[in-house]
Amino acid sequence: MKEIKRKGSRSAKDIPHEILDQLNCGEIETANLVEWLAVDQRLLLENLLKQFDRTQYLQPLLAEIENLKKQTVNTINEAIGTGLFEQSLKHNDKEILTIITNHSSDLIRCWATYTIGKNQTLNITQKLEKIQRFSGDKHFGVREICWLAIRSNISKDLVKSIEILSGWTNHADENVRRFASEATRPRGVWCEHIEELKQNPELGLAILEPMKSDTSKYVQDSVGNWLNDASKTQPEFVKSLCEQWKNGSPTKETAYIIKKALRTIEK
């Protein structure tokens, strides 16, 4: 059955009750950011655990949420994903990980990405291998959360991560290509900075160079934002690189990236 695309409401108060109920039951995906923010993740979790006869997991996970210093969509998302991973270990329950990885709800798939990031038995090669399916997810929310879920792992093993991700830059899926740059942005959004890349952005060239004239605007925006991040600590590096690209890659795609890269410098 083909999925019916919805536009989604412009504000939370305009979301029809039946749509919100379906979202909180995990029956449909969110259509936009308004819906994504409106989902009651506690209720969604409860409905998931009831459906799959795992209600014994609920109270420990709710306790983790209550213990959060700051409760936001992202911190709750991470707490649930981490909690589900811990419960899967405690109960030797690999099935729950399969269930959430393949679930129809985008927010539940977001939880699944943290079960990869928090798995200390996996090395960075294995984590990136497992996260790639989420980097190409059809839903924007899953694509954003999946790089957040393993960014600290990337930062801790930066050289190896860049080596692996440089191989993603020619992937057929623009979402996978975009992950390579977005996950390694020196500053990024809603995340800790990667100090090594702020000071030594040339380390990221193996990812940036192959995508300097990428045909996808989604990728172009990410590469431009990567360099704009770097320009705040190493402006000369960014100016020099953009000059090289301007002369060596005279395409409209490269010109667009350069404009985004220099926007802070040229303010």
C-alpha atoms as a PDB file:
ATOM      1  CA  MET A   1       0.000   0.000   0.000  1.00  0.00           C
ATOM      2  CA  LYS A   2       1.460   3.349  -1.027  1.00  0.00           C
ATOM      3  CA  GLU A   3       1.950   5.833   1.792  1.00  0.00           C
ATOM      4  CA  ILE A   4      -0.252   8.913   1.507  1.00  0.00           C
ATOM      5  CA  LYS A   5       1.769  12.097   1.903  1.00  0.00           C
ATOM      6  CA  ARG A   6       0.304  14.622   4.318  1.00  0.00           C
ATOM      7  CA  LYS A   7       1.180  18.294   4.489  1.00  0.00           C
ATOM      8  CA  GLY A   8       0.835  18.472   8.241  1.00  0.00           C
ATOM      9  CA  SER A   9      -0.534  21.324  10.360  1.00  0.00           C
ATOM     10  CA  ARG A  10       1.132  24.702  10.720  1.00  0.00           C
ATOM     11  CA  SER A  11       0.739  24.788  14.488  1.00  0.00           C
ATOM     12  CA  ALA A  12       0.315  22.181  17.220  1.00  0.00           C
ATOM     13  CA  LYS A  13      -3.179  23.386  18.098  1.00  0.00           C
ATOM     14  CA  ASP A  14      -4.297  22.729  14.523  1.00  0.00           C
ATOM     15  CA  ILE A  15      -3.297  19.069  14.488  1.00  0.00           C
ATOM     16  CA  PRO A  16      -6.529  17.024  14.270  1.00  0.00           C
ATOM     17  CA  HIS A  17      -7.132  14.809  17.323  1.00  0.00           C
ATOM     18  CA  GLU A  18      -7.293  11.658  15.234  1.00  0.00           C
ATOM     19  CA  ILE A  19      -3.899  12.444  13.655  1.00  0.00           C
ATOM     20  CA  LEU A  20      -2.310  13.127  17.044  1.00  0.00           C
ATOM     21  CA  ASP A  21      -3.741   9.871  18.374  1.00  0.00           C
ATOM     22  CA  GLN A  22      -2.256   7.970  15.444  1.00  0.00           C
ATOM     23  CA  LEU A  23       1.100   9.668  15.964  1.00  0.00           C
ATOM     24  CA  ASN A  24       1.126   8.852  19.662  1.00  0.00           C
ATOM     25  CA  CYS A  25       0.235   5.238  18.874  1.00  0.00           C
ATOM     26  CA  GLY A  26       3.070   5.005  16.355  1.00  0.00           C
ATOM     27  CA  GLU A  27       0.704   4.218  13.502  1.00  0.00           C
ATOM     28  CA  ILE A  28       1.849   7.001  11.171  1.00  0.00           C
ATOM     29  CA  GLU A  29       4.902   9.195  10.621  1.00  0.00           C
ATOM     30  CA  THR A  30       5.045  12.881  11.426  1.00  0.00           C
ATOM     31  CA  ALA A  31       4.525  15.050   8.349  1.00  0.00           C
ATOM     32  CA  ASN A  32       6.534  18.075   9.471  1.00  0.00           C
ATOM     33  CA  LEU A  33       8.479  19.586  12.374  1.00  0.00           C
ATOM     34  CA  VAL A  34       5.295  20.844  14.062  1.00  0.00           C
ATOM     35  CA  GLU A  35       3.974  17.296  14.342  1.00  0.00           C
ATOM     36  CA  TRP A  36       7.404  15.945  15.295  1.00  0.00           C
ATOM     37  CA  LEU A  37       7.532  18.337  18.257  1.00  0.00           C
ATOM     38  CA  ALA A  38       3.915  17.638  19.225  1.00  0.00           C
ATOM     39  CA  VAL A  39       4.254  13.873  19.734  1.00  0.00           C
ATOM     40  CA  ASP A  40       4.051  12.799  23.383  1.00  0.00           C
ATOM     41  CA  GLN A  41       7.095  10.533  23.497  1.00  0.00           C
ATOM     42  CA  ARG A  42       6.156   9.112  26.907  1.00  0.00           C
ATOM     43  CA  LEU A  43       2.761   8.057  25.573  1.00  0.00           C
ATOM     44  CA  LEU A  44       4.313   6.744  22.363  1.00  0.00           C
ATOM     45  CA  LEU A  45       6.723   4.673  24.447  1.00  0.00           C
ATOM     46  CA  GLU A  46       3.924   3.319  26.618  1.00  0.00           C
ATOM     47  CA  ASN A  47       1.888   2.334  23.557  1.00  0.00           C
ATOM     48  CA  LEU A  48       4.902   0.642  21.972  1.00  0.00           C
ATOM     49  CA  LEU A  49       5.698  -1.380  25.091  1.00  0.00           C
ATOM     50  CA  LYS A  50       2.062  -2.395  25.583  1.00  0.00           C
ATOM     51  CA  GLN A  51       1.775  -3.526  21.978  1.00  0.00           C
ATOM     52  CA  PHE A  52       4.845  -5.746  22.264  1.00  0.00           C
ATOM     53  CA  ASP A  53       4.250  -6.997  25.845  1.00  0.00           C
ATOM     54  CA  ARG A  54       7.186  -5.218  27.427  1.00  0.00           C
ATOM     55  CA  THR A  55       5.457  -2.969  29.940  1.00  0.00           C
ATOM     56  CA  GLN A  56       8.086  -3.896  32.556  1.00  0.00           C
ATOM     57  CA  TYR A  57      10.466  -1.575  30.694  1.00  0.00           C
ATOM     58  CA  LEU A  58       8.228   1.462  31.106  1.00  0.00           C
ATOM     59  CA  GLN A  59       8.856   2.673  34.666  1.00  0.00           C
ATOM     60  CA  PRO A  60      12.679   2.549  34.466  1.00  0.00           C
ATOM     61  CA  LEU A  61      12.553   4.560  31.254  1.00  0.00           C
ATOM     62  CA  LEU A  62      10.088   7.109  32.621  1.00  0.00           C
ATOM     63  CA  ALA A  63      12.341   7.514  35.654  1.00  0.00           C
ATOM     64  CA  GLU A  64      15.272   8.289  33.335  1.00  0.00           C
ATOM     65  CA  ILE A  65      13.210  10.989  31.635  1.00  0.00           C
ATOM     66  CA  GLU A  66      12.219  12.514  34.976  1.00  0.00           C
ATOM     67  CA  ASN A  67      15.880  12.622  36.042  1.00  0.00           C
ATOM     68  CA  LEU A  68      16.872  14.718  33.037  1.00  0.00           C
ATOM     69  CA  LYS A  69      18.143  18.182  34.002  1.00  0.00           C
ATOM     70  CA  LYS A  70      16.537  19.613  30.888  1.00  0.00           C
ATOM     71  CA  GLN A  71      13.617  17.928  29.170  1.00  0.00           C
ATOM     72  CA  THR A  72      13.511  18.683  25.465  1.00  0.00           C
ATOM     73  CA  VAL A  73      12.425  16.608  22.485  1.00  0.00           C
ATOM     74  CA  ASN A  74      16.058  15.691  21.849  1.00  0.00           C
ATOM     75  CA  THR A  75      17.031  14.861  25.442  1.00  0.00           C
ATOM     76  CA  ILE A  76      13.901  12.730  25.893  1.00  0.00           C
ATOM     77  CA  ASN A  77      14.618  11.055  22.568  1.00  0.00           C
ATOM     78  CA  GLU A  78      18.124  10.156  23.724  1.00  0.00           C
ATOM     79  CA  ALA A  79      16.946   9.022  27.168  1.00  0.00           C
ATOM     80  CA  ILE A  80      14.396   6.642  25.673  1.00  0.00           C
ATOM     81  CA  GLY A  81      16.820   5.260  23.102  1.00  0.00           C
ATOM     82  CA  THR A  82      19.487   4.752  25.754  1.00  0.00           C
ATOM     83  CA  GLY A  83      16.963   3.216  28.154  1.00  0.00           C
ATOM     84  CA  LEU A  84      15.654   0.775  25.559  1.00  0.00           C
ATOM     85  CA  PHE A  85      19.209  -0.317  24.825  1.00  0.00           C
ATOM     86  CA  GLU A  86      19.882  -0.859  28.538  1.00  0.00           C
ATOM     87  CA  GLN A  87      16.663  -2.842  28.948  1.00  0.00           C
ATOM     88  CA  SER A  88      17.538  -4.975  25.926  1.00  0.00           C
ATOM     89  CA  LEU A  89      20.842  -5.873  27.596  1.00  0.00           C
ATOM     90  CA  LYS A  90      19.264  -6.491  30.985  1.00  0.00           C
ATOM     91  CA  HIS A  91      16.615  -8.821  29.549  1.00  0.00           C
ATOM     92  CA  ASN A  92      18.727 -10.259  26.718  1.00  0.00           C
ATOM     93  CA  ASP A  93      16.082  -8.894  24.379  1.00  0.00           C
ATOM     94  CA  LYS A  94      17.526  -8.360  20.904  1.00  0.00           C
ATOM     95  CA  GLU A  95      14.041  -8.489  19.409  1.00  0.00           C
ATOM     96  CA  ILE A  96      13.074  -5.068  20.794  1.00  0.00           C
ATOM     97  CA  LEU A  97      16.012  -3.547  18.920  1.00  0.00           C
ATOM     98  CA  THR A  98      14.795  -5.093  15.665  1.00  0.00           C
ATOM     99  CA  ILE A  99      11.264  -3.866  16.368  1.00  0.00           C
ATOM    100  CA  ILE A 100      12.256  -0.233  16.868  1.00  0.00           C
ATOM    101  CA  THR A 101      14.755  -0.252  13.991  1.00  0.00           C
ATOM    102  CA  ASN A 102      12.048  -1.255  11.523  1.00  0.00           C
ATOM    103  CA  HIS A 103       9.093   0.576  13.091  1.00  0.00           C
ATOM    104  CA  SER A 104       6.691   2.670  11.017  1.00  0.00           C
ATOM    105  CA  SER A 105       6.975   5.587  13.467  1.00  0.00           C
ATOM    106  CA  ASP A 106       9.827   7.961  12.656  1.00  0.00           C
ATOM    107  CA  LEU A 107      10.284   8.908  16.319  1.00  0.00           C
ATOM    108  CA  ILE A 108      10.646   5.262  17.314  1.00  0.00           C
ATOM    109  CA  ARG A 109      13.274   4.818  14.597  1.00  0.00           C
ATOM    110  CA  CYS A 110      15.006   7.864  16.093  1.00  0.00           C
ATOM    111  CA  TRP A 111      15.210   5.992  19.414  1.00  0.00           C
ATOM    112  CA  ALA A 112      16.822   3.089  17.573  1.00  0.00           C
ATOM    113  CA  THR A 113      19.753   5.245  16.445  1.00  0.00           C
ATOM    114  CA  TYR A 114      20.820   5.762  20.060  1.00  0.00           C
ATOM    115  CA  THR A 115      20.974   2.005  20.626  1.00  0.00           C
ATOM    116  CA  ILE A 116      23.873   2.081  18.142  1.00  0.00           C
ATOM    117  CA  GLY A 117      25.614   5.102  19.598  1.00  0.00           C
ATOM    118  CA  LYS A 118      25.434   3.747  23.153  1.00  0.00           C
ATOM    119  CA  ASN A 119      26.602   0.232  22.283  1.00  0.00           C
ATOM    120  CA  GLN A 120      30.134   0.110  23.681  1.00  0.00           C
ATOM    121  CA  THR A 121      30.784  -3.337  22.191  1.00  0.00           C
ATOM    122  CA  LEU A 122      30.825  -1.802  18.696  1.00  0.00           C
ATOM    123  CA  ASN A 123      33.850  -0.016  17.277  1.00  0.00           C
ATOM    124  CA  ILE A 124      33.470   3.082  15.107  1.00  0.00           C
ATOM    125  CA  THR A 125      33.560   1.060  11.877  1.00  0.00           C
ATOM    126  CA  GLN A 126      30.670  -1.097  13.086  1.00  0.00           C
ATOM    127  CA  LYS A 127      28.695   1.883  14.393  1.00  0.00           C
ATOM    128  CA  LEU A 128      28.936   3.748  11.116  1.00  0.00           C
ATOM    129  CA  GLU A 129      28.038   0.607   9.200  1.00  0.00           C
ATOM    130  CA  LYS A 130      24.890   0.201  11.290  1.00  0.00           C
ATOM    131  CA  ILE A 131      23.934   3.880  11.237  1.00  0.00           C
ATOM    132  CA  GLN A 132      24.106   4.165   7.440  1.00  0.00           C
ATOM    133  CA  ARG A 133      20.602   2.786   6.935  1.00  0.00           C
ATOM    134  CA  PHE A 134      19.261   5.586   9.162  1.00  0.00           C
ATOM    135  CA  SER A 135      21.324   8.232   7.336  1.00  0.00           C
ATOM    136  CA  GLY A 136      19.338   7.318   4.224  1.00  0.00           C
ATOM    137  CA  ASP A 137      15.962   7.185   6.003  1.00  0.00           C
ATOM    138  CA  LYS A 138      13.092   8.783   4.086  1.00  0.00           C
ATOM    139  CA  HIS A 139      12.149  10.857   7.142  1.00  0.00           C
ATOM    140  CA  PHE A 140      13.954  14.104   7.961  1.00  0.00           C
ATOM    141  CA  GLY A 141      13.753  13.529  11.720  1.00  0.00           C
ATOM    142  CA  VAL A 142      15.532  10.185  11.605  1.00  0.00           C
ATOM    143  CA  ARG A 143      18.246  11.615   9.358  1.00  0.00           C
ATOM    144  CA  GLU A 144      18.905  14.450  11.816  1.00  0.00           C
ATOM    145  CA  ILE A 145      18.876  12.351  14.960  1.00  0.00           C
ATOM    146  CA  CYS A 146      21.076   9.582  13.573  1.00  0.00           C
ATOM    147  CA  TRP A 147      24.144  11.805  13.258  1.00  0.00           C
ATOM    148  CA  LEU A 148      23.511  13.281  16.699  1.00  0.00           C
ATOM    149  CA  ALA A 149      23.333   9.745  18.091  1.00  0.00           C
ATOM    150  CA  ILE A 150      26.887   8.869  17.120  1.00  0.00           C
ATOM    151  CA  ARG A 151      28.592  12.275  16.884  1.00  0.00           C
ATOM    152  CA  SER A 152      30.470  11.771  20.174  1.00  0.00           C
ATOM    153  CA  ASN A 153      31.758   8.447  18.820  1.00  0.00           C
ATOM    154  CA  ILE A 154      32.926  10.169  15.634  1.00  0.00           C
ATOM    155  CA  SER A 155      34.645  12.892  17.649  1.00  0.00           C
ATOM    156  CA  LYS A 156      36.512  10.353  19.795  1.00  0.00           C
ATOM    157  CA  ASP A 157      37.763   8.438  16.746  1.00  0.00           C
ATOM    158  CA  LEU A 158      37.958  11.288  14.287  1.00  0.00           C
ATOM    159  CA  VAL A 159      40.669  10.129  11.884  1.00  0.00           C
ATOM    160  CA  LYS A 160      39.104   6.699  11.386  1.00  0.00           C
ATOM    161  CA  SER A 161      35.624   8.228  11.088  1.00  0.00           C
ATOM    162  CA  ILE A 162      36.722  10.659   8.384  1.00  0.00           C
ATOM    163  CA  GLU A 163      38.435   7.836   6.532  1.00  0.00           C
ATOM    164  CA  ILE A 164      35.200   5.811   6.529  1.00  0.00           C
ATOM    165  CA  LEU A 165      32.891   8.743   5.796  1.00  0.00           C
ATOM    166  CA  SER A 166      35.032   9.893   2.878  1.00  0.00           C
ATOM    167  CA  GLY A 167      33.867   6.693   1.199  1.00  0.00           C
ATOM    168  CA  TRP A 168      30.245   7.815   1.616  1.00  0.00           C
ATOM    169  CA  THR A 169      30.775  10.970  -0.446  1.00  0.00           C
ATOM    170  CA  ASN A 170      30.118   9.183  -3.735  1.00  0.00           C
ATOM    171  CA  HIS A 171      27.112   7.201  -2.482  1.00  0.00           C
ATOM    172  CA  ALA A 172      24.109   7.168  -4.803  1.00  0.00           C
ATOM    173  CA  ASP A 173      21.822   8.449  -2.019  1.00  0.00           C
ATOM    174  CA  GLU A 174      22.199  12.182  -1.374  1.00  0.00           C
ATOM    175  CA  ASN A 175      21.047  11.645   2.216  1.00  0.00           C
ATOM    176  CA  VAL A 176      23.998   9.338   2.899  1.00  0.00           C
ATOM    177  CA  ARG A 177      26.405  11.801   1.272  1.00  0.00           C
ATOM    178  CA  ARG A 178      24.967  14.614   3.345  1.00  0.00           C
ATOM    179  CA  PHE A 179      25.456  12.620   6.568  1.00  0.00           C
ATOM    180  CA  ALA A 180      29.227  12.529   5.913  1.00  0.00           C
ATOM    181  CA  SER A 181      29.518  16.305   6.111  1.00  0.00           C
ATOM    182  CA  GLU A 182      26.718  17.029   8.577  1.00  0.00           C
ATOM    183  CA  ALA A 183      27.976  14.558  11.191  1.00  0.00           C
ATOM    184  CA  THR A 184      31.456  16.080  11.127  1.00  0.00           C
ATOM    185  CA  ARG A 185      30.621  19.785  11.127  1.00  0.00           C
ATOM    186  CA  PRO A 186      33.073  21.554  13.466  1.00  0.00           C
ATOM    187  CA  ARG A 187      30.238  23.296  15.316  1.00  0.00           C
ATOM    188  CA  GLY A 188      26.985  21.819  14.095  1.00  0.00           C
ATOM    189  CA  VAL A 189      23.526  22.410  15.513  1.00  0.00           C
ATOM    190  CA  TRP A 190      22.203  21.153  18.893  1.00  0.00           C
ATOM    191  CA  CYS A 191      25.477  19.342  19.561  1.00  0.00           C
ATOM    192  CA  GLU A 192      28.920  19.593  21.132  1.00  0.00           C
ATOM    193  CA  HIS A 193      31.630  21.111  18.983  1.00  0.00           C
ATOM    194  CA  ILE A 194      34.461  19.022  17.572  1.00  0.00           C
ATOM    195  CA  GLU A 195      37.426  21.058  18.794  1.00  0.00           C
ATOM    196  CA  GLU A 196      39.961  19.258  16.620  1.00  0.00           C
ATOM    197  CA  LEU A 197      38.080  20.268  13.460  1.00  0.00           C
ATOM    198  CA  LYS A 198      37.572  23.820  14.690  1.00  0.00           C
ATOM    199  CA  GLN A 199      41.327  24.212  14.987  1.00  0.00           C
ATOM    200  CA  ASN A 200      42.395  21.927  12.118  1.00  0.00           C
ATOM    201  CA  PRO A 201      39.581  21.951   9.526  1.00  0.00           C
ATOM    202  CA  GLU A 202      41.950  20.589   6.866  1.00  0.00           C
ATOM    203  CA  LEU A 203      41.356  17.179   8.462  1.00  0.00           C
ATOM    204  CA  GLY A 204      37.899  17.232   6.874  1.00  0.00           C
ATOM    205  CA  LEU A 205      39.095  17.756   3.293  1.00  0.00           C
ATOM    206  CA  ALA A 206      38.726  14.058   2.458  1.00  0.00           C
ATOM    207  CA  ILE A 207      34.965  14.558   2.945  1.00  0.00           C
ATOM    208  CA  LEU A 208      34.599  18.082   1.582  1.00  0.00           C
ATOM    209  CA  GLU A 209      36.650  17.887  -1.625  1.00  0.00           C
ATOM    210  CA  PRO A 210      34.616  15.123  -3.329  1.00  0.00           C
ATOM    211  CA  MET A 211      31.385  17.063  -2.675  1.00  0.00           C
ATOM    212  CA  LYS A 212      32.494  20.568  -3.672  1.00  0.00           C
ATOM    213  CA  SER A 213      30.254  20.400  -6.751  1.00  0.00           C
ATOM    214  CA  ASP A 214      27.615  17.933  -5.558  1.00  0.00           C
ATOM    215  CA  THR A 215      24.388  18.088  -7.571  1.00  0.00           C
ATOM    216  CA  SER A 216      22.166  17.928  -4.457  1.00  0.00           C
ATOM    217  CA  LYS A 217      21.234  21.202  -2.738  1.00  0.00           C
ATOM    218  CA  TYR A 218      20.777  19.199   0.470  1.00  0.00           C
ATOM    219  CA  VAL A 219      24.465  18.243   0.286  1.00  0.00           C
ATOM    220  CA  GLN A 220      25.568  21.688  -0.891  1.00  0.00           C
ATOM    221  CA  ASP A 221      23.934  23.315   2.138  1.00  0.00           C
ATOM    222  CA  SER A 222      25.719  20.927   4.483  1.00  0.00           C
ATOM    223  CA  VAL A 223      29.158  21.431   2.896  1.00  0.00           C
ATOM    224  CA  GLY A 224      28.646  25.211   2.920  1.00  0.00           C
ATOM    225  CA  ASN A 225      27.599  25.109   6.570  1.00  0.00           C
ATOM    226  CA  TRP A 226      30.617  22.915   7.423  1.00  0.00           C
ATOM    227  CA  LEU A 227      32.962  25.528   6.025  1.00  0.00           C
ATOM    228  CA  ASN A 228      31.026  28.387   7.606  1.00  0.00           C
ATOM    229  CA  ASP A 229      31.521  26.631  10.947  1.00  0.00           C
ATOM    230  CA  ALA A 230      35.256  26.397  10.268  1.00  0.00           C
ATOM    231  CA  SER A 231      35.450  30.047   9.207  1.00  0.00           C
ATOM    232  CA  LYS A 232      34.687  31.149  12.767  1.00  0.00           C
ATOM    233  CA  THR A 233      38.001  29.765  14.025  1.00  0.00           C
ATOM    234  CA  GLN A 234      40.129  29.398  10.875  1.00  0.00           C
ATOM    235  CA  PRO A 235      38.929  32.050   8.409  1.00  0.00           C
ATOM    236  CA  GLU A 236      42.140  32.029   6.344  1.00  0.00           C
ATOM    237  CA  PHE A 237      41.816  28.310   5.668  1.00  0.00           C
ATOM    238  CA  VAL A 238      38.248  28.744   4.431  1.00  0.00           C
ATOM    239  CA  LYS A 239      39.075  31.771   2.267  1.00  0.00           C
ATOM    240  CA  SER A 240      42.012  29.946   0.699  1.00  0.00           C
ATOM    241  CA  LEU A 241      40.005  26.788   0.037  1.00  0.00           C
ATOM    242  CA  CYS A 242      37.115  28.732  -1.491  1.00  0.00           C
ATOM    243  CA  GLU A 243      39.541  30.538  -3.784  1.00  0.00           C
ATOM    244  CA  GLN A 244      40.962  27.182  -4.911  1.00  0.00           C
ATOM    245  CA  TRP A 245      37.480  25.809  -5.536  1.00  0.00           C
ATOM    246  CA  LYS A 246      36.400  28.951  -7.380  1.00  0.00           C
ATOM    247  CA  ASN A 247      39.313  28.580  -9.817  1.00  0.00           C
ATOM    248  CA  GLY A 248      39.336  24.800 -10.080  1.00  0.00           C
ATOM    249  CA  SER A 249      35.610  24.054 -10.078  1.00  0.00           C
ATOM    250  CA  PRO A 250      33.735  26.848 -11.891  1.00  0.00           C
ATOM    251  CA  THR A 251      30.255  25.337 -11.501  1.00  0.00           C
ATOM    252  CA  LYS A 252      27.067  26.860 -10.140  1.00  0.00           C
ATOM    253  CA  GLU A 253      27.025  24.175  -7.422  1.00  0.00           C
ATOM    254  CA  THR A 254      30.485  25.134  -6.174  1.00  0.00           C
ATOM    255  CA  ALA A 255      29.601  28.835  -6.366  1.00  0.00           C
ATOM    256  CA  TYR A 256      26.554  28.211  -4.157  1.00  0.00           C
ATOM    257  CA  ILE A 257      28.658  26.322  -1.591  1.00  0.00           C
ATOM    258  CA  ILE A 258      31.301  29.076  -1.553  1.00  0.00           C
ATOM    259  CA  LYS A 259      28.644  31.736  -0.937  1.00  0.00           C
ATOM    260  CA  LYS A 260      27.323  29.801   2.082  1.00  0.00           C
ATOM    261  CA  ALA A 261      30.846  29.080   3.320  1.00  0.00           C
ATOM    262  CA  LEU A 262      31.877  32.766   3.317  1.00  0.00           C
ATOM    263  CA  ARG A 263      28.678  34.273   4.723  1.00  0.00           C
ATOM    264  CA  THR A 264      30.137  34.937   8.191  1.00  0.00           C
ATOM    265  CA  ILE A 265      33.473  36.212   6.863  1.00  0.00           C
ATOM    266  CA  GLU A 266      31.798  38.574   4.398  1.00  0.00           C
ATOM    267  CA  LYS A 267      29.150  39.958   6.746  1.00  0.00           C
END
